Amino acid sequence: MLSQAYLEYRCPRCGYINAIARETVIDMYKEQSDACQHCQQKLEIIAANGINDQINLIVSEQEDSAK
């Protein structure tokens, strides 16, 4: 059985630690959407190249476009 690798990130709204599958962030510098598992805040996640081949996740709250 293969285990799937996950990357963790903290929700900027409530501080809850979420996880996203590493395979879903292979498109570096492309905005992706997800929701916090705790507070359901819509989040924007951007994966970026980090030091020593690590992946940095840039996470921010997604703005409502229906204002």
C-alpha atoms as a PDB file:
ATOM      1  CA  MET A   1       0.000   0.000   0.000  1.00  0.00           C
ATOM      2  CA  LEU A   2       1.361   3.429  -0.946  1.00  0.00           C
ATOM      3  CA  SER A   3       1.033   6.206   1.561  1.00  0.00           C
ATOM      4  CA  GLN A   4       0.207   9.661   0.280  1.00  0.00           C
ATOM      5  CA  ALA A   5       2.431  12.553   1.380  1.00  0.00           C
ATOM      6  CA  TYR A   6       0.719  15.622   2.801  1.00  0.00           C
ATOM      7  CA  LEU A   7       1.830  19.192   3.287  1.00  0.00           C
ATOM      8  CA  GLU A   8       0.497  21.074   6.292  1.00  0.00           C
ATOM      9  CA  TYR A   9      -0.583  24.699   6.438  1.00  0.00           C
ATOM     10  CA  ARG A  10      -2.209  26.923   9.037  1.00  0.00           C
ATOM     11  CA  CYS A  11      -5.507  28.697   8.388  1.00  0.00           C
ATOM     12  CA  PRO A  12      -4.849  32.455   8.600  1.00  0.00           C
ATOM     13  CA  ARG A  13      -8.310  32.995  10.113  1.00  0.00           C
ATOM     14  CA  CYS A  14      -8.546  30.463  12.949  1.00  0.00           C
ATOM     15  CA  GLY A  15      -5.041  28.945  13.139  1.00  0.00           C
ATOM     16  CA  TYR A  16      -6.202  25.362  12.521  1.00  0.00           C
ATOM     17  CA  ILE A  17      -3.577  23.116  10.887  1.00  0.00           C
ATOM     18  CA  ASN A  18      -4.896  21.688   7.612  1.00  0.00           C
ATOM     19  CA  ALA A  19      -3.269  19.266   5.181  1.00  0.00           C
ATOM     20  CA  ILE A  20      -3.176  19.098   1.412  1.00  0.00           C
ATOM     21  CA  ALA A  21      -1.932  16.190  -0.676  1.00  0.00           C
ATOM     22  CA  ARG A  22       1.517  16.862  -2.140  1.00  0.00           C
ATOM     23  CA  GLU A  23       0.335  15.580  -5.536  1.00  0.00           C
ATOM     24  CA  THR A  24      -2.249  18.376  -5.765  1.00  0.00           C
ATOM     25  CA  VAL A  25       0.384  21.136  -5.571  1.00  0.00           C
ATOM     26  CA  ILE A  26       2.577  20.047  -8.464  1.00  0.00           C
ATOM     27  CA  ASP A  27       1.608  23.191 -10.397  1.00  0.00           C
ATOM     28  CA  MET A  28       3.938  25.641  -8.712  1.00  0.00           C
ATOM     29  CA  TYR A  29       2.884  29.295  -8.515  1.00  0.00           C
ATOM     30  CA  LYS A  30      -0.667  28.455  -9.611  1.00  0.00           C
ATOM     31  CA  GLU A  31      -3.468  29.558  -7.277  1.00  0.00           C
ATOM     32  CA  GLN A  32      -5.594  26.764  -5.842  1.00  0.00           C
ATOM     33  CA  SER A  33      -8.672  26.921  -3.630  1.00  0.00           C
ATOM     34  CA  ASP A  34      -9.508  24.928  -0.531  1.00  0.00           C
ATOM     35  CA  ALA A  35     -11.530  25.403   2.647  1.00  0.00           C
ATOM     36  CA  CYS A  36     -10.342  25.213   6.244  1.00  0.00           C
ATOM     37  CA  GLN A  37     -11.501  21.958   7.817  1.00  0.00           C
ATOM     38  CA  HIS A  38     -12.326  23.778  11.060  1.00  0.00           C
ATOM     39  CA  CYS A  39     -13.900  27.161  10.237  1.00  0.00           C
ATOM     40  CA  GLN A  40     -14.803  26.530   6.559  1.00  0.00           C
ATOM     41  CA  GLN A  41     -13.089  29.777   5.464  1.00  0.00           C
ATOM     42  CA  LYS A  42     -12.316  29.687   1.738  1.00  0.00           C
ATOM     43  CA  LEU A  43      -8.558  29.809   1.253  1.00  0.00           C
ATOM     44  CA  GLU A  44      -6.190  30.561  -1.617  1.00  0.00           C
ATOM     45  CA  ILE A  45      -3.096  28.358  -1.646  1.00  0.00           C
ATOM     46  CA  ILE A  46      -0.041  28.952  -3.815  1.00  0.00           C
ATOM     47  CA  ALA A  47       2.857  26.504  -3.819  1.00  0.00           C
ATOM     48  CA  ALA A  48       6.337  27.948  -4.316  1.00  0.00           C
ATOM     49  CA  ASN A  49       9.840  26.529  -4.529  1.00  0.00           C
ATOM     50  CA  GLY A  50      11.651  26.716  -1.220  1.00  0.00           C
ATOM     51  CA  ILE A  51      15.204  26.157  -0.033  1.00  0.00           C
ATOM     52  CA  ASN A  52      16.691  22.659  -0.465  1.00  0.00           C
ATOM     53  CA  ASP A  53      13.894  21.472  -2.805  1.00  0.00           C
ATOM     54  CA  GLN A  54      11.201  22.050  -0.181  1.00  0.00           C
ATOM     55  CA  ILE A  55       7.761  23.415  -1.030  1.00  0.00           C
ATOM     56  CA  ASN A  56       6.498  26.612   0.590  1.00  0.00           C
ATOM     57  CA  LEU A  57       2.742  27.135   0.800  1.00  0.00           C
ATOM     58  CA  ILE A  58       1.461  30.708   0.701  1.00  0.00           C
ATOM     59  CA  VAL A  59      -2.026  30.722   2.231  1.00  0.00           C
ATOM     60  CA  SER A  60      -4.472  33.621   2.381  1.00  0.00           C
ATOM     61  CA  GLU A  61      -8.187  34.119   2.898  1.00  0.00           C
ATOM     62  CA  GLN A  62     -10.127  34.128  -0.364  1.00  0.00           C
ATOM     63  CA  GLU A  63     -12.050  37.334  -0.923  1.00  0.00           C
ATOM     64  CA  ASP A  64     -15.735  37.134  -1.789  1.00  0.00           C
ATOM     65  CA  SER A  65     -16.272  38.321  -5.346  1.00  0.00           C
ATOM     66  CA  ALA A  66     -20.001  38.874  -4.689  1.00  0.00           C
ATOM     67  CA  LYS A  67     -19.639  42.098  -2.669  1.00  0.00           C
END
